[in-house]
C-alpha atoms as a PDB file:
ATOM      1  CA  MET A   1      17.422   5.976  19.958  1.00  0.00           C
ATOM      2  CA  ASN A   2      14.988   4.797  22.964  1.00  0.00           C
ATOM      3  CA  LYS A   3      13.046   1.463  22.336  1.00  0.00           C
ATOM      4  CA  ALA A   4       9.758   4.083  21.749  1.00  0.00           C
ATOM      5  CA  ASP A   5      11.821   5.889  19.201  1.00  0.00           C
ATOM      6  CA  GLN A   6      12.311   2.225  17.752  1.00  0.00           C
ATOM      7  CA  SER A   7       9.041   0.495  17.703  1.00  0.00           C
ATOM      8  CA  PHE A   8       7.615   3.989  16.356  1.00  0.00           C
ATOM      9  CA  ASN A   9      10.143   3.703  13.502  1.00  0.00           C
ATOM     10  CA  GLU A  10       9.243  -0.121  12.850  1.00  0.00           C
ATOM     11  CA  GLN A  11       5.860   0.485  12.799  1.00  0.00           C
ATOM     12  CA  PHE A  12       5.886   3.971  10.030  1.00  0.00           C
ATOM     13  CA  LYS A  13       8.632   2.346   8.227  1.00  0.00           C
ATOM     14  CA  PRO A  14       7.933   3.465   4.289  1.00  0.00           C
ATOM     15  CA  VAL A  15       6.393   0.960   2.411  1.00  0.00           C
ATOM     16  CA  ALA A  16       7.849  -0.760  -0.885  1.00  0.00           C
ATOM     17  CA  PRO A  17       6.192  -3.404  -2.516  1.00  0.00           C
ATOM     18  CA  PRO A  18       8.289  -6.609  -3.086  1.00  0.00           C
ATOM     19  CA  GLU A  19      10.118  -7.076  -7.166  1.00  0.00           C
ATOM     20  CA  ALA A  20       8.268  -9.869  -7.458  1.00  0.00           C
ATOM     21  CA  TYR A  21       5.275 -12.352  -6.421  1.00  0.00           C
ATOM     22  CA  HIS A  22       7.329 -14.643  -3.967  1.00  0.00           C
ATOM     23  CA  PRO A  23       4.201 -17.097  -1.676  1.00  0.00           C
ATOM     24  CA  GLU A  24       6.023 -17.284   1.295  1.00  0.00           C
ATOM     25  CA  ALA A  25       6.282 -13.513   2.078  1.00  0.00           C
ATOM     26  CA  ASP A  26       3.706 -12.365   4.504  1.00  0.00           C
ATOM     27  CA  TRP A  27       0.709 -10.835   2.891  1.00  0.00           C
ATOM     28  CA  GLN A  28       1.929  -7.373   3.329  1.00  0.00           C
ATOM     29  CA  ASP A  29       3.977  -7.729   1.046  1.00  0.00           C
ATOM     30  CA  LYS A  30       1.726  -9.775  -0.842  1.00  0.00           C
ATOM     31  CA  VAL A  31      -1.180  -7.327  -1.280  1.00  0.00           C
ATOM     32  CA  LEU A  32       1.652  -4.539  -1.959  1.00  0.00           C
ATOM     33  CA  TYR A  33       2.772  -6.133  -4.524  1.00  0.00           C
ATOM     34  CA  ALA A  34      -0.434  -6.597  -5.872  1.00  0.00           C
ATOM     35  CA  LEU A  35      -1.628  -3.425  -5.367  1.00  0.00           C
ATOM     36  CA  ALA A  36       1.906  -2.074  -7.320  1.00  0.00           C
ATOM     37  CA  GLN A  37       0.416  -4.265  -9.962  1.00  0.00           C
ATOM     38  CA  LEU A  38      -3.004  -2.329 -10.405  1.00  0.00           C
ATOM     39  CA  GLY A  39      -1.661   1.267 -10.134  1.00  0.00           C
ATOM     40  CA  GLU A  40      -4.918   1.779  -7.957  1.00  0.00           C
ATOM     41  CA  GLY A  41      -7.695  -0.333  -6.743  1.00  0.00           C
ATOM     42  CA  THR A  42      -9.617  -1.029  -4.240  1.00  0.00           C
ATOM     43  CA  ALA A  43      -9.895  -4.345  -1.653  1.00  0.00           C
ATOM     44  CA  PRO A  44     -11.616  -6.639  -3.596  1.00  0.00           C
ATOM     45  CA  ASP A  45      -9.953  -5.018  -6.952  1.00  0.00           C
ATOM     46  CA  VAL A  46      -6.746  -6.518  -4.930  1.00  0.00           C
ATOM     47  CA  ALA A  47      -7.897  -9.351  -3.868  1.00  0.00           C
ATOM     48  CA  ALA A  48      -9.162 -10.346  -7.233  1.00  0.00           C
ATOM     49  CA  LYS A  49      -5.623  -9.443  -8.339  1.00  0.00           C
ATOM     50  CA  LEU A  50      -4.877 -12.192  -5.345  1.00  0.00           C
ATOM     51  CA  THR A  51      -6.484 -14.705  -6.923  1.00  0.00           C
ATOM     52  CA  GLU A  52      -3.911 -15.147  -9.519  1.00  0.00           C
ATOM     53  CA  TYR A  53      -1.254 -15.217  -7.467  1.00  0.00           C
ATOM     54  CA  GLU A  54      -3.390 -17.323  -4.621  1.00  0.00           C
ATOM     55  CA  PRO A  55      -6.014 -19.720  -6.674  1.00  0.00           C
ATOM     56  CA  GLU A  56      -6.449 -22.175  -3.649  1.00  0.00           C
ATOM     57  CA  VAL A  57      -7.319 -19.621  -1.069  1.00  0.00           C
ATOM     58  CA  ALA A  58     -10.889 -18.410  -0.329  1.00  0.00           C
ATOM     59  CA  PRO A  59     -11.937 -15.486  -2.558  1.00  0.00           C
ATOM     60  CA  GLN A  60     -13.417 -14.105   0.625  1.00  0.00           C
ATOM     61  CA  GLU A  61     -10.383 -14.555   2.743  1.00  0.00           C
ATOM     62  CA  LEU A  62      -8.288 -12.673  -0.081  1.00  0.00           C
ATOM     63  CA  HIS A  63     -10.542  -9.715   0.318  1.00  0.00           C
ATOM     64  CA  ARG A  64     -10.142  -9.951   4.216  1.00  0.00           C
ATOM     65  CA  HIS A  65      -6.278  -9.886   3.769  1.00  0.00           C
ATOM     66  CA  ALA A  66      -6.850  -7.645   1.436  1.00  0.00           C
ATOM     67  CA  GLU A  67      -9.305  -4.408   3.419  1.00  0.00           C
ATOM     68  CA  GLN A  68      -6.964  -5.771   6.725  1.00  0.00           C
ATOM     69  CA  VAL A  69      -3.381  -4.421   5.276  1.00  0.00           C
ATOM     70  CA  LEU A  70      -4.987  -1.536   2.555  1.00  0.00           C
ATOM     71  CA  MET A  71      -7.012   0.167   5.457  1.00  0.00           C
ATOM     72  CA  GLY A  72      -3.662   0.067   7.899  1.00  0.00           C
ATOM     73  CA  LEU A  73      -1.404   1.416   5.907  1.00  0.00           C
ATOM     74  CA  TYR A  74      -3.760   3.439   4.749  1.00  0.00           C
ATOM     75  CA  GLU A  75      -4.663   4.906   7.805  1.00  0.00           C
ATOM     76  CA  LYS A  76      -1.735   5.085   9.197  1.00  0.00           C
ATOM     77  CA  GLY A  77      -0.883   7.637   6.250  1.00  0.00           C
ATOM     78  CA  LEU A  78       1.961   5.251   4.947  1.00  0.00           C
ATOM     79  CA  ILE A  79      -0.806   4.308   0.990  1.00  0.00           C
ATOM     80  CA  LYS A  80      -2.997   6.987  -0.525  1.00  0.00           C
ATOM     81  CA  GLY A  81      -6.516   6.320  -1.058  1.00  0.00           C
ATOM     82  CA  ALA A  82      -9.232   8.062  -2.292  1.00  0.00           C
ATOM     83  CA  GLU A  83     -12.908   7.962  -1.355  1.00  0.00           C
ATOM     84  CA  GLN A  84     -14.671   6.264  -4.599  1.00  0.00           C
ATOM     85  CA  ASP A  85     -18.572   5.006  -4.832  1.00  0.00           C
ATOM     86  CA  GLY A  86     -18.311   4.762  -1.242  1.00  0.00           C
ATOM     87  CA  GLU A  87     -15.286   2.192  -1.006  1.00  0.00           C
ATOM     88  CA  VAL A  88     -11.672   3.678  -0.555  1.00  0.00           C
ATOM     89  CA  SER A  89      -9.452   3.485  -4.069  1.00  0.00           C
ATOM     90  CA  TYR A  90      -5.578   2.794  -2.468  1.00  0.00           C
ATOM     91  CA  ASN A  91      -2.400   3.808  -4.544  1.00  0.00           C
ATOM     92  CA  LEU A  92       1.344   3.714  -3.682  1.00  0.00           C
ATOM     93  CA  SER A  93       1.060   7.289  -4.423  1.00  0.00           C
ATOM     94  CA  LYS A  94       4.543   7.821  -7.210  1.00  0.00           C
ATOM     95  CA  ILE A  95       5.322  11.141  -8.397  1.00  0.00           C
ATOM     96  CA  THR A  96       5.134  11.152 -11.945  1.00  0.00           C
ATOM     97  CA  SER A  97       5.838  14.497 -13.126  1.00  0.00           C
ATOM     98  CA  PRO A  98       8.354  16.960 -11.341  1.00  0.00           C
ATOM     99  CA  ASN A  99       7.347  19.547  -8.918  1.00  0.00           C
ATOM    100  CA  VAL A 100       8.002  22.901 -10.725  1.00  0.00           C
ATOM    101  CA  GLY A 101       8.674  26.264  -9.422  1.00  0.00           C
ATOM    102  CA  GLY A 102      11.839  27.816  -6.969  1.00  0.00           C
ATOM    103  CA  THR A 103      13.000  28.913  -3.806  1.00  0.00           C
ATOM    104  CA  ASP A 104      13.576  32.214  -3.295  1.00  0.00           C
ATOM    105  CA  PRO A 105      16.401  32.429  -1.031  1.00  0.00           C
ATOM    106  CA  ASP A 106      15.798  36.057   0.161  1.00  0.00           C
ATOM    107  CA  LEU A 107      13.159  34.249   1.888  1.00  0.00           C
ATOM    108  CA  LEU A 108      15.545  31.725   3.819  1.00  0.00           C
END
């Protein structure tokens, strides 16, 4: 694998929220954890959730981090989002119901 492939793979690897909140984690992990706890939410929703874990950080700074992380992951296609009332509502897009149907072996 060449360096360009390695860089691409690192930049677009699937995201997974951490199992627990860690104050020393980077902002991406913190934002993903908060979003996972909410299930779905806008950047302000995620920032509000982060205040529970980071009460000493200014709300404007939490909002800035949430917005940057969520928009960056959304633009890369790593998380889902849907516009509602002029804001994007983000989610981690878990499949909650099994696929139905089948494959026609004659078409393979």
